[in-house]
């Protein structure tokens, strides 16, 4: 079973860590999508649990890779080649200043807004593709309140693309199989 945990608010860390470990122990695949990686680094995830951010996924998109190449990799290559010998110190300082003053500002003010305007739903598709080209997550665990709008956005995008929509729950133990008949109180 492939399970996507949405934990953008990081308010239920222990529950997410335990439930993702349970999925891996059952032989499934657990992917935890978080808002920021730093609050989760001290958590002891089981081997096999993938921790991702939206930025990690968007960084794989071709336009973002091209942007990184133009803004960062090419200037670093030029400094490495041309900045040898007595120019090494000045070239490194100039590169740091360029990356801080020019490249970072262009990235924030031009490329990110343009990328989100031209490809508004790319992160939704990249989340799906992370699970494989044909099969997305089978279960979507919305771990905290901040993840609810993102879960709705993902489901709407996947429905509009004609992809299978996963079951949605608040925790692994609250997942009800679609084949299990529900009582009238559970509906």
N, C-alpha and C. Protein backbone atom coordinates (compact mmCIF):
# COMPACT_ATOMS: atom_id res chain seq x y z
N UNK A 1 0.83 -1.17 0.00
CA UNK A 1 0.00 0.00 0.00
C UNK A 1 0.88 1.24 0.00
N UNK A 2 0.54 2.20 -0.81
CA UNK A 2 1.28 3.45 -0.89
C UNK A 2 0.49 4.52 -0.14
N UNK A 3 1.14 5.14 0.84
CA UNK A 3 0.46 6.09 1.71
C UNK A 3 1.19 7.42 1.67
N UNK A 4 0.42 8.49 1.47
CA UNK A 4 0.95 9.85 1.52
C UNK A 4 0.45 10.51 2.79
N UNK A 5 1.38 10.93 3.63
CA UNK A 5 1.05 11.66 4.85
C UNK A 5 1.26 13.14 4.57
N UNK A 6 0.21 13.95 4.74
CA UNK A 6 0.34 15.40 4.63
C UNK A 6 0.49 15.94 6.04
N UNK A 7 1.65 16.48 6.35
CA UNK A 7 1.93 17.00 7.69
C UNK A 7 2.57 18.37 7.57
N UNK A 8 1.83 19.32 7.03
CA UNK A 8 2.39 20.64 6.75
C UNK A 8 2.56 21.47 8.02
N UNK A 9 1.76 21.20 9.05
CA UNK A 9 1.83 22.00 10.26
C UNK A 9 2.75 21.44 11.32
N UNK A 10 3.13 20.20 11.23
CA UNK A 10 4.05 19.55 12.17
C UNK A 10 3.50 19.51 13.59
N UNK A 11 2.18 19.46 13.73
CA UNK A 11 1.60 19.43 15.08
C UNK A 11 1.41 18.00 15.60
N UNK A 12 1.42 17.02 14.74
CA UNK A 12 1.24 15.62 15.16
C UNK A 12 2.45 14.78 14.76
N UNK A 13 3.63 15.25 15.12
CA UNK A 13 4.86 14.58 14.70
C UNK A 13 4.91 13.12 15.15
N UNK A 14 4.66 12.89 16.42
CA UNK A 14 4.79 11.53 16.94
C UNK A 14 3.83 10.58 16.24
N UNK A 15 2.60 11.02 16.02
CA UNK A 15 1.61 10.17 15.34
C UNK A 15 2.05 9.85 13.92
N UNK A 16 2.58 10.85 13.21
CA UNK A 16 3.03 10.64 11.84
C UNK A 16 4.21 9.67 11.80
N UNK A 17 5.15 9.84 12.72
CA UNK A 17 6.32 8.94 12.77
C UNK A 17 5.88 7.51 13.06
N UNK A 18 4.98 7.33 14.03
CA UNK A 18 4.53 5.98 14.38
C UNK A 18 3.72 5.34 13.26
N UNK A 19 2.81 6.11 12.67
CA UNK A 19 1.96 5.54 11.63
C UNK A 19 2.74 5.25 10.35
N UNK A 20 3.70 6.11 10.02
CA UNK A 20 4.52 5.83 8.83
C UNK A 20 5.38 4.59 9.06
N UNK A 21 5.87 4.40 10.29
CA UNK A 21 6.63 3.20 10.62
C UNK A 21 5.74 1.96 10.50
N UNK A 22 4.48 2.09 10.89
CA UNK A 22 3.54 0.96 10.79
C UNK A 22 3.30 0.59 9.33
N UNK A 23 3.19 1.59 8.46
CA UNK A 23 2.99 1.32 7.03
C UNK A 23 4.19 0.58 6.46
N UNK A 24 5.39 1.03 6.79
CA UNK A 24 6.61 0.38 6.30
C UNK A 24 6.72 -1.04 6.86
N UNK A 25 6.35 -1.22 8.13
CA UNK A 25 6.41 -2.55 8.74
C UNK A 25 5.45 -3.52 8.06
N UNK A 26 4.34 -3.02 7.54
CA UNK A 26 3.38 -3.86 6.82
C UNK A 26 3.80 -4.12 5.38
N UNK A 27 4.92 -3.55 4.97
CA UNK A 27 5.41 -3.77 3.61
C UNK A 27 4.96 -2.70 2.63
N UNK A 28 4.42 -1.61 3.13
CA UNK A 28 3.95 -0.54 2.26
C UNK A 28 5.00 0.54 2.06
N UNK A 29 4.61 1.55 1.34
CA UNK A 29 5.50 2.69 1.07
C UNK A 29 4.89 3.92 1.73
N UNK A 30 5.67 4.61 2.56
CA UNK A 30 5.20 5.79 3.26
C UNK A 30 6.00 7.00 2.81
N UNK A 31 5.28 8.03 2.36
CA UNK A 31 5.89 9.29 1.97
C UNK A 31 5.27 10.37 2.85
N UNK A 32 6.10 11.14 3.54
CA UNK A 32 5.62 12.21 4.41
C UNK A 32 5.95 13.54 3.73
N UNK A 33 4.91 14.28 3.37
CA UNK A 33 5.07 15.59 2.73
C UNK A 33 4.91 16.65 3.81
N UNK A 34 5.97 17.41 4.05
CA UNK A 34 5.99 18.41 5.12
C UNK A 34 6.18 19.80 4.54
N UNK A 35 5.85 20.81 5.34
CA UNK A 35 6.03 22.18 4.91
C UNK A 35 7.50 22.59 4.94
N UNK A 36 8.19 22.23 6.01
CA UNK A 36 9.61 22.54 6.16
C UNK A 36 10.30 21.32 6.75
N UNK A 37 11.49 21.05 6.30
CA UNK A 37 12.22 19.86 6.72
C UNK A 37 12.81 20.00 8.13
N UNK A 38 13.19 21.21 8.51
CA UNK A 38 13.93 21.41 9.76
C UNK A 38 13.21 20.88 11.01
N UNK A 39 11.90 21.15 11.20
CA UNK A 39 11.26 20.63 12.42
C UNK A 39 11.19 19.10 12.49
N UNK A 40 11.40 18.44 11.39
CA UNK A 40 11.27 16.98 11.33
C UNK A 40 12.61 16.25 11.40
N UNK A 41 13.71 16.97 11.35
CA UNK A 41 15.02 16.31 11.28
C UNK A 41 15.35 15.51 12.53
N UNK A 42 14.86 15.95 13.69
CA UNK A 42 15.18 15.24 14.93
C UNK A 42 14.25 14.05 15.19
N UNK A 43 13.27 13.85 14.33
CA UNK A 43 12.35 12.72 14.48
C UNK A 43 13.03 11.45 13.97
N UNK A 44 12.78 10.37 14.63
CA UNK A 44 13.42 9.10 14.25
C UNK A 44 12.55 8.31 13.29
N UNK A 45 12.58 8.66 12.02
CA UNK A 45 11.80 7.93 11.03
C UNK A 45 12.44 6.58 10.76
N UNK A 46 11.60 5.60 10.54
CA UNK A 46 12.07 4.26 10.17
C UNK A 46 12.75 4.32 8.81
N UNK A 47 13.73 3.46 8.57
CA UNK A 47 14.29 3.37 7.22
C UNK A 47 13.19 2.95 6.25
N UNK A 48 13.12 3.62 5.15
CA UNK A 48 12.08 3.34 4.17
C UNK A 48 11.01 4.42 4.11
N UNK A 49 10.95 5.27 5.13
CA UNK A 49 10.00 6.38 5.12
C UNK A 49 10.67 7.55 4.42
N UNK A 50 9.99 8.11 3.41
CA UNK A 50 10.54 9.23 2.66
C UNK A 50 9.99 10.54 3.21
N UNK A 51 10.88 11.48 3.49
CA UNK A 51 10.50 12.80 3.97
C UNK A 51 10.73 13.79 2.85
N UNK A 52 9.67 14.46 2.40
CA UNK A 52 9.75 15.39 1.28
C UNK A 52 9.14 16.73 1.64
N UNK A 53 9.60 17.77 0.96
CA UNK A 53 8.94 19.06 1.01
C UNK A 53 8.44 19.39 -0.39
N UNK A 54 7.54 20.35 -0.47
CA UNK A 54 7.05 20.77 -1.79
C UNK A 54 8.19 21.33 -2.62
N UNK A 55 9.14 22.01 -1.96
CA UNK A 55 10.30 22.55 -2.68
C UNK A 55 11.15 21.44 -3.29
N UNK A 56 11.28 20.32 -2.57
CA UNK A 56 12.03 19.17 -3.10
C UNK A 56 11.40 18.68 -4.40
N UNK A 57 10.08 18.59 -4.39
CA UNK A 57 9.38 18.11 -5.58
C UNK A 57 9.48 19.10 -6.73
N UNK A 58 9.27 20.39 -6.44
CA UNK A 58 9.33 21.40 -7.50
C UNK A 58 10.73 21.53 -8.07
N UNK A 59 11.75 21.23 -7.27
CA UNK A 59 13.12 21.33 -7.76
C UNK A 59 13.40 20.31 -8.86
N UNK A 60 12.58 19.26 -8.95
CA UNK A 60 12.75 18.25 -9.99
C UNK A 60 12.12 18.66 -11.32
N UNK A 61 11.29 19.68 -11.30
CA UNK A 61 10.61 20.12 -12.52
C UNK A 61 11.64 20.76 -13.46
N UNK A 62 11.56 20.45 -14.74
CA UNK A 62 12.57 20.89 -15.72
C UNK A 62 12.80 22.40 -15.72
N UNK A 63 11.77 23.25 -15.72
CA UNK A 63 12.06 24.69 -15.69
C UNK A 63 12.85 25.12 -14.46
N UNK A 64 12.60 24.50 -13.31
CA UNK A 64 13.35 24.84 -12.12
C UNK A 64 14.81 24.38 -12.24
N UNK A 65 15.02 23.23 -12.85
CA UNK A 65 16.40 22.75 -13.04
C UNK A 65 17.15 23.66 -13.99
N UNK A 66 16.48 24.13 -15.05
CA UNK A 66 17.12 25.07 -15.98
C UNK A 66 17.45 26.38 -15.29
N UNK A 67 16.53 26.86 -14.47
CA UNK A 67 16.78 28.10 -13.73
C UNK A 67 18.01 27.96 -12.85
N UNK A 68 18.11 26.85 -12.12
CA UNK A 68 19.25 26.61 -11.25
C UNK A 68 20.55 26.56 -12.05
N UNK A 69 20.47 25.97 -13.23
CA UNK A 69 21.66 25.88 -14.07
C UNK A 69 22.11 27.28 -14.50
N UNK A 70 21.16 28.09 -14.97
CA UNK A 70 21.50 29.42 -15.48
C UNK A 70 21.95 30.35 -14.35
N UNK A 71 21.23 30.35 -13.24
CA UNK A 71 21.54 31.29 -12.16
C UNK A 71 22.71 30.88 -11.28
N UNK A 72 22.93 29.58 -11.10
CA UNK A 72 23.93 29.16 -10.13
C UNK A 72 25.07 28.32 -10.71
N UNK A 73 24.74 27.29 -11.46
CA UNK A 73 25.79 26.36 -11.89
C UNK A 73 26.75 26.97 -12.91
N UNK A 74 26.22 27.69 -13.90
CA UNK A 74 27.09 28.29 -14.91
C UNK A 74 28.02 29.34 -14.28
N UNK A 75 27.50 30.27 -13.44
CA UNK A 75 28.43 31.21 -12.80
C UNK A 75 29.48 30.52 -11.92
N UNK A 76 29.10 29.45 -11.23
CA UNK A 76 30.09 28.73 -10.42
C UNK A 76 31.16 28.09 -11.29
N UNK A 77 30.75 27.56 -12.43
CA UNK A 77 31.72 26.97 -13.36
C UNK A 77 32.67 28.04 -13.88
N UNK A 78 32.13 29.20 -14.23
CA UNK A 78 32.98 30.30 -14.73
C UNK A 78 33.98 30.72 -13.66
N UNK A 79 33.53 30.84 -12.42
CA UNK A 79 34.44 31.24 -11.33
C UNK A 79 35.49 30.16 -11.10
N UNK A 80 35.10 28.90 -11.18
CA UNK A 80 36.05 27.82 -10.97
C UNK A 80 37.13 27.83 -12.05
N UNK A 81 36.73 28.10 -13.30
CA UNK A 81 37.69 28.09 -14.41
C UNK A 81 38.52 29.36 -14.43
N UNK A 82 37.86 30.51 -14.32
CA UNK A 82 38.57 31.79 -14.46
C UNK A 82 39.19 32.28 -13.16
N UNK A 83 38.68 31.83 -12.03
CA UNK A 83 39.15 32.35 -10.76
C UNK A 83 40.25 31.54 -10.13
N UNK A 84 41.31 31.30 -10.86
CA UNK A 84 42.45 30.55 -10.33
C UNK A 84 43.60 31.51 -10.06
N UNK A 85 44.50 31.05 -9.25
CA UNK A 85 45.69 31.85 -8.98
C UNK A 85 45.38 33.05 -8.12
N UNK A 86 45.93 34.22 -8.51
CA UNK A 86 45.75 35.41 -7.67
C UNK A 86 44.30 35.92 -7.65
N UNK A 87 43.47 35.49 -8.59
CA UNK A 87 42.08 35.95 -8.64
C UNK A 87 41.13 35.09 -7.80
N UNK A 88 41.63 34.04 -7.19
CA UNK A 88 40.76 33.08 -6.50
C UNK A 88 39.94 33.73 -5.39
N UNK A 89 40.54 34.50 -4.54
CA UNK A 89 39.82 35.13 -3.43
C UNK A 89 38.76 36.11 -3.89
N UNK A 90 39.15 36.98 -4.84
CA UNK A 90 38.20 37.96 -5.35
C UNK A 90 37.07 37.30 -6.12
N UNK A 91 37.38 36.25 -6.86
CA UNK A 91 36.35 35.55 -7.63
C UNK A 91 35.33 34.89 -6.70
N UNK A 92 35.80 34.29 -5.62
CA UNK A 92 34.87 33.65 -4.67
C UNK A 92 33.99 34.68 -3.98
N UNK A 93 34.56 35.82 -3.61
CA UNK A 93 33.76 36.88 -2.98
C UNK A 93 32.74 37.43 -3.96
N UNK A 94 33.16 37.61 -5.21
CA UNK A 94 32.23 38.11 -6.23
C UNK A 94 31.10 37.11 -6.48
N UNK A 95 31.43 35.83 -6.49
CA UNK A 95 30.41 34.80 -6.68
C UNK A 95 29.40 34.80 -5.54
N UNK A 96 29.89 34.90 -4.30
CA UNK A 96 28.98 34.94 -3.15
C UNK A 96 28.07 36.17 -3.22
N UNK A 97 28.64 37.31 -3.59
CA UNK A 97 27.84 38.52 -3.70
C UNK A 97 26.81 38.39 -4.82
N UNK A 98 27.21 37.82 -5.94
CA UNK A 98 26.28 37.60 -7.06
C UNK A 98 25.13 36.69 -6.63
N UNK A 99 25.46 35.57 -5.98
CA UNK A 99 24.41 34.63 -5.58
C UNK A 99 23.45 35.26 -4.58
N UNK A 100 23.97 36.06 -3.67
CA UNK A 100 23.13 36.68 -2.65
C UNK A 100 22.31 37.84 -3.20
N UNK A 101 22.94 38.71 -3.97
CA UNK A 101 22.28 39.94 -4.41
C UNK A 101 21.51 39.80 -5.71
N UNK A 102 21.99 38.99 -6.62
CA UNK A 102 21.36 38.91 -7.94
C UNK A 102 20.56 37.61 -8.09
N UNK A 103 21.22 36.48 -7.96
CA UNK A 103 20.57 35.19 -8.24
C UNK A 103 19.41 34.91 -7.28
N UNK A 104 19.62 35.13 -5.99
CA UNK A 104 18.56 34.85 -5.02
C UNK A 104 17.36 35.77 -5.24
N UNK A 105 17.62 37.03 -5.54
CA UNK A 105 16.51 37.96 -5.79
C UNK A 105 15.77 37.61 -7.07
N UNK A 106 16.50 37.27 -8.12
CA UNK A 106 15.84 36.85 -9.36
C UNK A 106 15.00 35.60 -9.13
N UNK A 107 15.53 34.68 -8.37
CA UNK A 107 14.79 33.46 -8.07
C UNK A 107 13.48 33.80 -7.35
N UNK A 108 13.56 34.58 -6.28
CA UNK A 108 12.39 34.90 -5.46
C UNK A 108 11.38 35.79 -6.18
N UNK A 109 11.88 36.82 -6.86
CA UNK A 109 10.98 37.85 -7.41
C UNK A 109 10.51 37.57 -8.83
N UNK A 110 11.27 36.79 -9.59
CA UNK A 110 10.91 36.56 -10.98
C UNK A 110 10.54 35.10 -11.23
N UNK A 111 11.46 34.20 -10.95
CA UNK A 111 11.26 32.80 -11.35
C UNK A 111 10.16 32.08 -10.56
N UNK A 112 10.13 32.25 -9.25
CA UNK A 112 9.10 31.55 -8.46
C UNK A 112 7.70 32.03 -8.82
N UNK A 113 7.43 33.35 -8.85
CA UNK A 113 6.08 33.77 -9.26
C UNK A 113 5.74 33.36 -10.69
N UNK A 114 6.70 33.45 -11.59
CA UNK A 114 6.45 33.05 -12.98
C UNK A 114 6.17 31.55 -13.07
N UNK A 115 6.94 30.76 -12.36
CA UNK A 115 6.75 29.31 -12.36
C UNK A 115 5.36 28.95 -11.83
N UNK A 116 4.93 29.61 -10.76
CA UNK A 116 3.62 29.30 -10.18
C UNK A 116 2.48 29.81 -11.05
N UNK A 117 2.73 30.84 -11.84
CA UNK A 117 1.69 31.36 -12.72
C UNK A 117 1.57 30.50 -13.98
N UNK A 118 2.68 30.08 -14.54
CA UNK A 118 2.67 29.30 -15.77
C UNK A 118 2.28 27.84 -15.50
N UNK A 119 2.77 27.27 -14.41
CA UNK A 119 2.48 25.88 -14.05
C UNK A 119 1.85 25.85 -12.66
N UNK A 120 0.59 26.27 -12.53
CA UNK A 120 0.00 26.39 -11.19
C UNK A 120 -0.22 25.06 -10.47
N UNK A 121 -0.43 23.98 -11.22
CA UNK A 121 -0.73 22.70 -10.58
C UNK A 121 0.42 21.70 -10.71
N UNK A 122 1.60 22.18 -10.98
CA UNK A 122 2.72 21.26 -11.20
C UNK A 122 3.06 20.48 -9.94
N UNK A 123 2.95 21.10 -8.78
CA UNK A 123 3.31 20.36 -7.55
C UNK A 123 2.32 19.23 -7.28
N UNK A 124 1.05 19.41 -7.66
CA UNK A 124 0.06 18.34 -7.50
C UNK A 124 0.44 17.14 -8.37
N UNK A 125 0.82 17.41 -9.59
CA UNK A 125 1.22 16.33 -10.50
C UNK A 125 2.52 15.67 -10.04
N UNK A 126 3.44 16.48 -9.52
CA UNK A 126 4.71 15.92 -9.07
C UNK A 126 4.53 15.03 -7.84
N UNK A 127 3.58 15.37 -6.98
CA UNK A 127 3.28 14.49 -5.84
C UNK A 127 2.80 13.15 -6.35
N UNK A 128 1.89 13.18 -7.34
CA UNK A 128 1.37 11.93 -7.92
C UNK A 128 2.50 11.14 -8.57
N UNK A 129 3.32 11.82 -9.37
CA UNK A 129 4.41 11.15 -10.10
C UNK A 129 5.46 10.56 -9.17
N UNK A 130 5.58 11.11 -7.97
CA UNK A 130 6.57 10.59 -7.03
C UNK A 130 6.27 9.13 -6.67
N UNK A 131 5.02 8.75 -6.77
CA UNK A 131 4.63 7.38 -6.45
C UNK A 131 4.78 6.44 -7.64
N UNK A 132 5.08 6.96 -8.79
CA UNK A 132 5.23 6.14 -9.98
C UNK A 132 4.40 6.70 -11.11
N UNK A 133 4.73 6.33 -12.34
CA UNK A 133 4.05 6.93 -13.49
C UNK A 133 2.57 6.56 -13.60
N UNK A 134 2.18 5.38 -13.11
CA UNK A 134 0.80 4.93 -13.32
C UNK A 134 -0.03 4.90 -12.05
N UNK A 135 0.62 4.82 -10.92
CA UNK A 135 -0.13 4.60 -9.69
C UNK A 135 0.26 5.61 -8.63
N UNK A 136 -0.70 6.36 -8.17
CA UNK A 136 -0.46 7.33 -7.11
C UNK A 136 -0.69 6.71 -5.75
N UNK A 137 -0.85 7.55 -4.74
CA UNK A 137 -1.08 7.01 -3.40
C UNK A 137 -2.45 6.34 -3.29
N UNK A 138 -2.50 5.30 -2.51
CA UNK A 138 -3.78 4.61 -2.27
C UNK A 138 -4.50 5.19 -1.08
N UNK A 139 -3.75 5.83 -0.19
CA UNK A 139 -4.32 6.41 1.02
C UNK A 139 -3.66 7.75 1.27
N UNK A 140 -4.47 8.74 1.58
CA UNK A 140 -3.99 10.09 1.90
C UNK A 140 -4.33 10.35 3.35
N UNK A 141 -3.30 10.48 4.19
CA UNK A 141 -3.50 10.75 5.61
C UNK A 141 -3.26 12.23 5.84
N UNK A 142 -4.32 12.93 6.22
CA UNK A 142 -4.23 14.36 6.52
C UNK A 142 -3.92 14.46 8.01
N UNK A 143 -2.67 14.77 8.33
CA UNK A 143 -2.19 14.64 9.70
C UNK A 143 -2.50 15.83 10.59
N UNK A 144 -2.76 16.99 10.03
CA UNK A 144 -3.04 18.15 10.87
C UNK A 144 -3.96 19.12 10.13
N UNK A 145 -4.42 20.12 10.85
CA UNK A 145 -5.40 21.06 10.30
C UNK A 145 -4.83 21.89 9.15
N UNK A 146 -3.55 22.23 9.21
CA UNK A 146 -2.96 23.03 8.14
C UNK A 146 -2.87 22.27 6.82
N UNK A 147 -2.97 20.96 6.88
CA UNK A 147 -2.87 20.14 5.67
C UNK A 147 -4.19 19.95 4.95
N UNK A 148 -5.30 20.33 5.57
CA UNK A 148 -6.62 20.11 4.96
C UNK A 148 -6.77 20.86 3.64
N UNK A 149 -6.46 22.17 3.56
CA UNK A 149 -6.60 22.85 2.25
C UNK A 149 -5.72 22.23 1.16
N UNK A 150 -4.53 21.82 1.53
CA UNK A 150 -3.63 21.19 0.55
C UNK A 150 -4.19 19.84 0.09
N UNK A 151 -4.80 19.10 1.01
CA UNK A 151 -5.41 17.81 0.65
C UNK A 151 -6.56 18.03 -0.33
N UNK A 152 -7.38 19.04 -0.08
CA UNK A 152 -8.48 19.35 -0.99
C UNK A 152 -7.94 19.74 -2.36
N UNK A 153 -6.89 20.54 -2.38
CA UNK A 153 -6.27 20.96 -3.64
C UNK A 153 -5.73 19.76 -4.41
N UNK A 154 -5.05 18.85 -3.72
CA UNK A 154 -4.52 17.66 -4.38
C UNK A 154 -5.64 16.80 -4.96
N UNK A 155 -6.68 16.58 -4.18
CA UNK A 155 -7.79 15.73 -4.64
C UNK A 155 -8.48 16.35 -5.85
N UNK A 156 -8.73 17.65 -5.80
CA UNK A 156 -9.38 18.32 -6.94
C UNK A 156 -8.51 18.24 -8.19
N UNK A 157 -7.22 18.44 -8.03
CA UNK A 157 -6.31 18.39 -9.18
C UNK A 157 -6.26 16.98 -9.76
N UNK A 158 -6.18 15.97 -8.91
CA UNK A 158 -6.13 14.59 -9.39
C UNK A 158 -7.43 14.19 -10.06
N UNK A 159 -8.57 14.64 -9.51
CA UNK A 159 -9.86 14.35 -10.14
C UNK A 159 -9.96 14.99 -11.52
N UNK A 160 -9.53 16.25 -11.62
CA UNK A 160 -9.62 16.95 -12.91
C UNK A 160 -8.67 16.36 -13.95
N UNK A 161 -7.59 15.74 -13.50
CA UNK A 161 -6.67 15.08 -14.43
C UNK A 161 -7.10 13.66 -14.77
N UNK A 162 -8.20 13.20 -14.17
CA UNK A 162 -8.70 11.86 -14.44
C UNK A 162 -7.92 10.76 -13.73
N UNK A 163 -7.23 11.11 -12.66
CA UNK A 163 -6.46 10.13 -11.90
C UNK A 163 -7.31 9.57 -10.77
N UNK A 164 -6.95 8.40 -10.31
CA UNK A 164 -7.69 7.77 -9.21
C UNK A 164 -7.46 8.57 -7.93
N UNK A 165 -8.52 8.85 -7.23
CA UNK A 165 -8.43 9.61 -5.99
C UNK A 165 -8.26 8.63 -4.83
N UNK A 166 -7.25 8.84 -3.99
CA UNK A 166 -7.04 7.92 -2.87
C UNK A 166 -8.08 8.11 -1.77
N UNK A 167 -8.18 7.11 -0.91
CA UNK A 167 -9.01 7.26 0.28
C UNK A 167 -8.34 8.29 1.18
N UNK A 168 -9.14 9.01 1.93
CA UNK A 168 -8.63 10.07 2.80
C UNK A 168 -9.00 9.74 4.24
N UNK A 169 -8.04 9.92 5.15
CA UNK A 169 -8.32 9.69 6.56
C UNK A 169 -7.43 10.61 7.41
N UNK A 170 -7.70 10.60 8.71
CA UNK A 170 -6.94 11.42 9.65
C UNK A 170 -5.80 10.64 10.28
N UNK A 171 -5.89 9.34 10.24
CA UNK A 171 -4.86 8.47 10.79
C UNK A 171 -5.03 7.07 10.21
N UNK A 172 -3.99 6.28 10.27
CA UNK A 172 -4.04 4.93 9.71
C UNK A 172 -5.15 4.12 10.38
N UNK A 173 -5.31 4.28 11.69
CA UNK A 173 -6.32 3.49 12.40
C UNK A 173 -7.75 3.93 12.08
N UNK A 174 -7.94 5.12 11.52
CA UNK A 174 -9.29 5.57 11.17
C UNK A 174 -9.64 5.28 9.72
N UNK A 175 -8.75 4.60 9.01
CA UNK A 175 -9.02 4.24 7.61
C UNK A 175 -10.06 3.14 7.56
N UNK A 176 -11.08 3.37 6.74
CA UNK A 176 -12.13 2.38 6.55
C UNK A 176 -12.02 1.89 5.12
N UNK A 177 -11.90 0.60 4.96
CA UNK A 177 -11.81 0.02 3.62
C UNK A 177 -13.08 0.33 2.84
N UNK A 178 -12.97 0.63 1.54
CA UNK A 178 -14.16 0.93 0.76
C UNK A 178 -15.10 -0.27 0.65
N UNK A 179 -14.61 -1.48 0.87
CA UNK A 179 -15.45 -2.67 0.78
C UNK A 179 -16.19 -2.94 2.09
N UNK A 180 -15.77 -2.32 3.18
CA UNK A 180 -16.40 -2.55 4.47
C UNK A 180 -17.72 -1.80 4.55
N UNK A 181 -18.83 -2.50 4.82
CA UNK A 181 -20.09 -1.78 4.96
C UNK A 181 -20.07 -0.94 6.22
N UNK A 182 -20.54 0.29 6.10
CA UNK A 182 -20.55 1.21 7.23
C UNK A 182 -21.94 1.26 7.84
N UNK A 183 -21.96 1.44 9.14
CA UNK A 183 -23.25 1.61 9.81
C UNK A 183 -23.77 3.00 9.50
N UNK A 184 -25.03 3.21 9.76
CA UNK A 184 -25.62 4.51 9.45
C UNK A 184 -24.99 5.61 10.28
N UNK A 185 -24.50 5.30 11.48
CA UNK A 185 -23.87 6.31 12.32
C UNK A 185 -22.51 6.72 11.77
N UNK A 186 -21.84 5.84 11.04
CA UNK A 186 -20.51 6.14 10.50
C UNK A 186 -20.57 6.94 9.22
N UNK A 187 -21.73 7.04 8.61
CA UNK A 187 -21.84 7.76 7.35
C UNK A 187 -21.90 9.18 7.61
